Amino acid sequence: MPQDRVTLADVAQLAGVSLATISKVLNGRADVSPPTRARIEKLLEEHGYERRGNRDISKGGFIELVFHELDPLWSMELLSGVEAVAKDHGLSVVLTVSGDRRSPDPMWIEGVLRRRPVGIVLVFSDIPGEQRDRLRSRGIPFVVVDPAGEPPADAPYVGSANWSGGLTATRHLIALGHTRIATITGMEEMMCSFARVDGYRSAMKSAGLEIDPAWIRFGNFRVSGGYDHAMDLLSLPNRPTAIFAGSDLQALGVMDAARAKGLRIPEDLSVVGYDDIALSQWVTPRLTTIHQPLRRMGEEAARLAIRLSEGVPPTALRLDLAINLVVRESTAPPAVTM
């Protein structure tokens, strides 16, 4: 039968079940046997059934924001952005923690189909194809925000310019006169880690500066990763005079390591962070960092999810927001001219 004309009655007939059973599956009800559910899901996917948008959000509802973990600093910025837009539209926000850095837990999909949010904002690098298909067939729009990896090509996405961030941070240090510049980024499996390192490499190469392979480190975006790698870097015979950290938390770890080594910031070591979390302007010295517009990313993701729920097609599936350098007190020219 033509995919654009498939009806629930057609699917019910093919599956040999009632329309009531189809409805239970579509709404995530638990009282359907796993084999029957799997058969119906397969038929829905094969015949391209998709519940249309045009949902009337004036009747209320909520946006579901899904993290793999809650960071008390970074996550709250995204949450505040989503909350602001939801409030403007008379919606609330449900916060869910599920899965790992790549995707939500498989059991999450069953719950979200029962909850039927207006839209979903996912802070993950990916969402499995089977989950994407089930959400689309129920007419539940989703948006991936600030992915750690490369989001699916057909998934609406809001992120920031990670490569430009790495380039800008490194160029700032070069302009101050530093030539021995190291970087500590995030996990190797994360695309944003590589993008920031690629920006660092581009700045170094365009300035004609040598890059010692030992100066490039993959950490964990946490204080511990910054501290451990900085202790090692600052023990090198030809230690760096500046370190670009891939997150503000790692930058705080770098600063702790410098103090443990008896080094002054910025007199003996310049440090640049990434994210511009609130804490970065309260540490001593105040942290020079790359401002990643986390709150606005949350706002744009929520707006996109709401537009999709109303049946408004996006003008573009990918939105990369600009970053900017915030110069504070943790960077200065090197003490000795290189």
Protein backbone atom coordinates (compact mmCIF):
# COMPACT_ATOMS: atom_id res chain seq x y z
CA MET A 1 0.00 0.00 0.00
CA PRO A 2 1.32 3.55 -0.63
CA GLN A 3 3.31 4.86 2.31
CA ASP A 4 1.63 8.26 2.24
CA ARG A 5 -1.82 6.68 2.67
CA VAL A 6 -1.18 4.17 5.43
CA THR A 7 -3.73 4.34 8.24
CA LEU A 8 -3.84 2.81 11.69
CA ALA A 9 -6.65 0.56 10.49
CA ASP A 10 -4.33 -0.74 7.76
CA VAL A 11 -1.59 -1.44 10.31
CA ALA A 12 -4.05 -3.14 12.66
CA GLN A 13 -5.25 -5.40 9.84
CA LEU A 14 -1.71 -6.34 8.84
CA ALA A 15 -0.75 -7.02 12.47
CA GLY A 16 -3.92 -8.97 13.18
CA VAL A 17 -4.78 -6.84 16.21
CA SER A 18 -7.43 -4.29 17.16
CA LEU A 19 -7.18 -0.54 16.78
CA ALA A 20 -7.19 -0.36 20.58
CA THR A 21 -3.96 -2.40 20.67
CA ILE A 22 -2.38 -0.10 18.05
CA SER A 23 -3.37 2.88 20.19
CA LYS A 24 -1.78 1.31 23.27
CA VAL A 25 1.52 0.85 21.40
CA LEU A 26 1.44 4.39 20.02
CA ASN A 27 0.87 5.80 23.49
CA GLY A 28 3.55 3.69 25.17
CA ARG A 29 1.15 1.62 27.27
CA ALA A 30 2.80 -1.28 29.04
CA ASP A 31 -0.11 -3.76 28.68
CA VAL A 32 0.96 -5.09 25.27
CA SER A 33 3.11 -8.22 24.98
CA PRO A 34 6.67 -7.63 23.73
CA PRO A 35 6.22 -9.79 20.57
CA THR A 36 3.02 -7.95 19.60
CA ARG A 37 4.62 -4.57 20.33
CA ALA A 38 7.66 -5.47 18.20
CA ARG A 39 5.44 -6.63 15.32
CA ILE A 40 3.40 -3.43 15.38
CA GLU A 41 6.49 -1.22 15.66
CA LYS A 42 8.01 -2.99 12.65
CA LEU A 43 4.87 -2.48 10.56
CA LEU A 44 4.62 1.18 11.55
CA GLU A 45 8.20 1.70 10.46
CA GLU A 46 7.89 -0.32 7.24
CA HIS A 47 4.80 1.56 6.09
CA GLY A 48 6.03 4.99 7.09
CA TYR A 49 3.29 5.81 9.54
CA GLU A 50 3.94 9.19 11.12
CA ARG A 51 1.60 11.11 13.35
CA ARG A 52 1.42 14.67 12.08
CA GLY A 53 2.36 17.77 14.04
CA ASN A 54 0.18 20.86 14.46
CA ARG A 55 -0.21 20.19 18.18
CA ASP A 56 -2.13 22.91 20.04
CA ILE A 57 0.28 23.89 22.81
CA SER A 58 -2.13 26.50 24.15
CA LYS A 59 -3.66 23.62 26.10
CA GLY A 60 -0.43 23.28 28.07
CA GLY A 61 2.03 20.43 28.36
CA PHE A 62 5.75 20.16 28.93
CA ILE A 63 9.15 19.90 27.29
CA GLU A 64 11.31 17.00 28.39
CA LEU A 65 15.01 17.84 28.84
CA VAL A 66 17.20 14.74 28.92
CA PHE A 67 20.80 14.61 30.22
CA HIS A 68 23.08 11.64 30.76
CA GLU A 69 24.23 13.33 33.98
CA LEU A 70 23.56 16.59 35.79
CA ASP A 71 26.53 18.89 36.21
CA PRO A 72 25.59 21.56 38.79
CA LEU A 73 27.23 24.31 36.71
CA TRP A 74 27.14 23.43 33.02
CA SER A 75 23.75 21.68 32.92
CA MET A 76 21.96 24.45 34.79
CA GLU A 77 22.78 26.97 32.06
CA LEU A 78 21.05 24.81 29.44
CA LEU A 79 18.14 24.16 31.79
CA SER A 80 17.61 27.88 32.42
CA GLY A 81 17.38 28.51 28.67
CA VAL A 82 14.85 25.73 28.10
CA GLU A 83 12.81 26.86 31.12
CA ALA A 84 12.63 30.47 29.92
CA VAL A 85 11.22 29.52 26.51
CA ALA A 86 8.87 26.92 27.97
CA LYS A 87 7.47 29.50 30.42
CA ASP A 88 6.87 31.98 27.60
CA HIS A 89 4.72 29.34 25.88
CA GLY A 90 2.83 28.28 28.99
CA LEU A 91 4.74 25.00 29.24
CA SER A 92 6.62 23.34 32.06
CA VAL A 93 9.88 21.37 31.93
CA VAL A 94 10.44 17.76 32.96
CA LEU A 95 14.06 16.87 33.68
CA THR A 96 15.26 13.32 32.97
CA VAL A 97 18.67 11.73 33.58
CA SER A 98 19.24 8.62 31.47
CA GLY A 99 21.83 6.65 29.54
CA ASP A 100 25.45 7.54 28.83
CA ARG A 101 27.22 10.29 26.91
CA ARG A 102 26.10 8.88 23.56
CA SER A 103 22.40 8.10 23.94
CA PRO A 104 19.50 7.64 26.40
CA ASP A 105 18.85 4.32 28.06
CA PRO A 106 16.68 1.99 25.91
CA MET A 107 13.99 1.95 28.62
CA TRP A 108 13.64 5.75 28.44
CA ILE A 109 11.72 5.53 25.18
CA GLU A 110 8.88 3.57 26.79
CA GLY A 111 8.39 6.21 29.46
CA VAL A 112 8.55 9.18 27.13
CA LEU A 113 5.92 7.65 24.82
CA ARG A 114 3.59 7.41 27.82
CA ARG A 115 4.37 10.95 28.99
CA ARG A 116 3.89 12.45 25.49
CA PRO A 117 5.78 15.74 25.90
CA VAL A 118 5.26 18.62 23.50
CA GLY A 119 8.91 18.15 22.52
CA ILE A 120 12.22 16.74 23.72
CA VAL A 121 15.63 18.37 24.09
CA LEU A 122 18.38 15.72 24.20
CA VAL A 123 21.87 16.51 25.48
CA PHE A 124 23.51 13.54 23.75
CA SER A 125 25.70 12.91 20.73
CA ASP A 126 23.26 10.45 19.22
CA ILE A 127 19.86 8.86 19.55
CA PRO A 128 19.45 5.36 18.10
CA GLY A 129 17.54 5.08 14.85
CA GLU A 130 14.88 2.88 16.43
CA GLN A 131 14.17 5.53 19.07
CA ARG A 132 14.08 8.30 16.45
CA ASP A 133 11.58 6.31 14.39
CA ARG A 134 9.32 5.66 17.36
CA LEU A 135 9.30 9.32 18.38
CA ARG A 136 8.53 10.45 14.84
CA SER A 137 5.74 7.92 14.43
CA ARG A 138 4.12 9.38 17.59
CA GLY A 139 4.57 12.97 16.42
CA ILE A 140 6.93 13.80 19.29
CA PRO A 141 9.64 16.18 17.98
CA PHE A 142 13.15 16.07 19.40
CA VAL A 143 16.21 18.30 19.17
CA VAL A 144 19.81 17.28 19.95
CA VAL A 145 21.75 20.04 21.71
CA ASP A 146 25.54 20.46 22.09
CA PRO A 147 26.34 16.91 21.04
CA ALA A 148 29.55 15.27 22.20
CA GLY A 149 29.79 13.45 18.89
CA GLU A 150 28.32 13.89 15.44
CA PRO A 151 24.51 13.93 15.52
CA PRO A 152 22.49 12.00 12.92
CA ALA A 153 22.22 13.94 9.67
CA ASP A 154 18.42 14.00 9.89
CA ALA A 155 18.24 15.06 13.55
CA PRO A 156 17.55 18.73 14.40
CA TYR A 157 20.61 20.01 16.26
CA VAL A 158 21.80 23.09 18.16
CA GLY A 159 25.48 23.44 19.02
CA SER A 160 28.31 25.95 19.06
CA ALA A 161 31.39 26.66 16.98
CA ASN A 162 33.91 24.38 18.73
CA TRP A 163 36.64 24.73 16.09
CA SER A 164 36.42 28.53 16.28
CA GLY A 165 36.64 28.29 20.05
CA GLY A 166 39.91 26.37 19.91
CA LEU A 167 41.28 28.75 17.28
CA THR A 168 40.30 31.89 19.20
CA ALA A 169 41.68 30.69 22.54
CA THR A 170 45.03 29.73 21.02
CA ARG A 171 45.34 32.92 18.96
CA HIS A 172 44.81 34.94 22.13
CA LEU A 173 47.78 33.20 23.76
CA ILE A 174 49.91 33.60 20.63
CA ALA A 175 49.10 37.32 20.49
CA LEU A 176 50.41 37.63 24.05
CA GLY A 177 53.74 36.20 22.89
CA HIS A 178 53.43 32.56 23.94
CA THR A 179 55.01 29.94 21.67
CA ARG A 180 54.97 26.91 23.95
CA ILE A 181 51.23 26.32 24.24
CA ALA A 182 49.64 23.05 25.36
CA THR A 183 46.01 21.99 25.25
CA ILE A 184 43.97 19.62 27.41
CA THR A 185 40.70 18.72 25.74
CA GLY A 186 37.92 16.22 26.49
CA MET A 187 37.51 12.52 25.77
CA GLU A 188 38.85 11.16 22.51
CA GLU A 189 35.48 9.73 21.47
CA MET A 190 33.87 13.19 21.55
CA MET A 191 33.73 15.21 18.35
CA CYS A 192 33.80 18.52 20.24
CA SER A 193 37.16 17.48 21.74
CA PHE A 194 38.68 16.98 18.31
CA ALA A 195 37.09 20.17 16.95
CA ARG A 196 38.67 22.28 19.70
CA VAL A 197 42.06 20.60 19.22
CA ASP A 198 41.80 21.15 15.46
CA GLY A 199 41.22 24.86 16.13
CA TYR A 200 44.31 24.86 18.37
CA ARG A 201 46.39 23.15 15.68
CA SER A 202 45.20 25.59 13.01
CA ALA A 203 46.18 28.60 15.13
CA MET A 204 49.61 27.16 15.90
CA LYS A 205 50.34 26.17 12.32
CA SER A 206 49.14 29.47 10.85
CA ALA A 207 51.51 31.26 13.25
CA GLY A 208 54.38 29.01 12.20
CA LEU A 209 54.73 27.53 15.68
CA GLU A 210 55.93 24.02 16.43
CA ILE A 211 53.48 21.63 18.08
CA ASP A 212 55.06 19.13 20.42
CA PRO A 213 52.85 15.99 20.38
CA ALA A 214 53.30 15.81 24.16
CA TRP A 215 51.46 19.13 24.47
CA ILE A 216 48.14 17.71 23.23
CA ARG A 217 46.24 15.83 25.92
CA PHE A 218 42.80 14.21 26.02
CA GLY A 219 41.19 14.56 29.43
CA ASN A 220 37.66 14.25 30.81
CA PHE A 221 36.38 17.84 30.98
CA ARG A 222 36.61 17.60 34.79
CA VAL A 223 38.87 19.22 37.38
CA SER A 224 40.72 15.92 37.85
CA GLY A 225 41.60 15.66 34.16
CA GLY A 226 42.98 19.20 34.11
CA TYR A 227 45.00 18.64 37.27
CA ASP A 228 46.53 15.28 36.29
CA HIS A 229 47.53 16.32 32.78
CA ALA A 230 48.82 19.72 33.92
CA MET A 231 51.02 18.10 36.57
CA ASP A 232 52.56 16.02 33.80
CA LEU A 233 52.89 18.93 31.34
CA LEU A 234 54.45 21.20 33.93
CA SER A 235 57.02 18.53 34.73
CA LEU A 236 58.35 18.46 31.15
CA PRO A 237 61.92 19.78 30.66
CA ASN A 238 60.61 22.33 28.14
CA ARG A 239 57.30 22.99 29.86
CA PRO A 240 54.55 25.05 28.21
CA THR A 241 54.10 28.66 29.27
CA ALA A 242 50.38 28.54 28.49
CA ILE A 243 47.63 25.90 28.56
CA PHE A 244 44.30 26.01 26.76
CA ALA A 245 41.84 23.79 28.64
CA GLY A 246 38.78 22.36 26.89
CA SER A 247 36.47 23.27 29.78
CA ASP A 248 36.47 25.72 32.67
CA LEU A 249 36.50 22.83 35.14
CA GLN A 250 39.68 21.45 33.53
CA ALA A 251 41.13 24.96 33.65
CA LEU A 252 40.52 25.02 37.43
CA GLY A 253 42.43 21.74 37.66
CA VAL A 254 45.29 23.29 35.67
CA MET A 255 45.40 26.23 38.06
CA ASP A 256 45.54 23.89 41.06
CA ALA A 257 48.41 21.96 39.45
CA ALA A 258 50.30 25.20 38.77
CA ARG A 259 50.02 26.21 42.41
CA ALA A 260 51.20 22.74 43.47
CA LYS A 261 54.26 23.29 41.27
CA GLY A 262 54.90 26.71 42.82
CA LEU A 263 53.95 28.58 39.65
CA ARG A 264 52.07 31.87 39.59
CA ILE A 265 49.12 32.55 37.28
CA PRO A 266 49.44 34.40 34.97
CA GLU A 267 53.06 35.42 35.65
CA ASP A 268 54.51 31.92 35.14
CA LEU A 269 51.63 30.19 33.36
CA SER A 270 48.70 31.53 31.36
CA VAL A 271 45.45 29.53 31.40
CA VAL A 272 42.40 29.73 29.11
CA GLY A 273 39.23 27.79 29.79
CA TYR A 274 36.10 26.97 27.80
CA ASP A 275 32.35 27.43 28.55
CA ASP A 276 32.38 30.59 30.71
CA ILE A 277 30.45 29.01 33.57
CA ALA A 278 29.52 31.36 36.42
CA LEU A 279 32.35 30.08 38.61
CA SER A 280 35.00 31.26 36.11
CA GLN A 281 34.63 34.89 37.19
CA TRP A 282 34.82 34.10 40.91
CA VAL A 283 38.07 32.13 41.04
CA THR A 284 41.42 33.85 41.70
CA PRO A 285 42.71 34.99 39.31
CA ARG A 286 39.51 35.32 37.32
CA LEU A 287 39.56 32.95 34.37
CA THR A 288 40.03 33.98 30.76
CA THR A 289 37.74 31.69 28.81
CA ILE A 290 35.74 30.98 25.68
CA HIS A 291 32.10 31.89 26.21
CA GLN A 292 29.91 29.07 24.95
CA PRO A 293 26.30 30.34 24.82
CA LEU A 294 24.83 27.48 26.84
CA ARG A 295 21.70 29.32 27.93
CA ARG A 296 20.95 30.46 24.38
CA MET A 297 21.58 26.94 23.10
CA GLY A 298 18.87 25.74 25.48
CA GLU A 299 16.56 28.53 24.32
CA GLU A 300 17.04 27.78 20.62
CA ALA A 301 16.59 24.04 21.13
CA ALA A 302 13.33 24.61 23.03
CA ARG A 303 12.05 27.03 20.39
CA LEU A 304 12.84 24.56 17.63
CA ALA A 305 11.12 21.70 19.47
CA ILE A 306 8.00 23.86 19.94
CA ARG A 307 7.93 24.93 16.29
CA LEU A 308 8.23 21.32 15.20
CA SER A 309 5.36 20.36 17.51
CA GLU A 310 3.23 22.98 15.75
CA GLY A 311 4.06 21.50 12.37
CA VAL A 312 6.43 24.32 11.34
CA PRO A 313 9.34 22.87 9.30
CA PRO A 314 12.79 24.12 10.35
CA THR A 315 14.66 26.47 8.01
CA ALA A 316 17.79 24.41 8.75
CA LEU A 317 18.42 21.21 10.70
CA ARG A 318 21.76 22.42 12.13
CA LEU A 319 22.37 25.58 14.11
CA ASP A 320 25.91 26.38 15.34
CA LEU A 321 25.97 29.43 17.60
CA ALA A 322 28.95 31.77 17.75
CA ILE A 323 31.45 31.77 20.61
CA ASN A 324 33.50 34.69 21.93
CA LEU A 325 36.62 35.21 24.01
CA VAL A 326 36.22 36.66 27.51
CA VAL A 327 39.55 38.08 28.67
CA ARG A 328 40.02 38.22 32.43
CA GLU A 329 43.12 37.84 34.62
CA SER A 330 44.51 34.34 34.02
CA THR A 331 46.46 35.23 30.86
CA ALA A 332 49.44 37.55 30.34
CA PRO A 333 52.62 37.70 28.22
CA PRO A 334 55.20 35.03 29.13
CA ALA A 335 57.66 36.00 31.82
CA VAL A 336 60.62 35.21 29.55
CA THR A 337 60.63 36.09 25.87
CA MET A 338 60.75 32.86 23.90
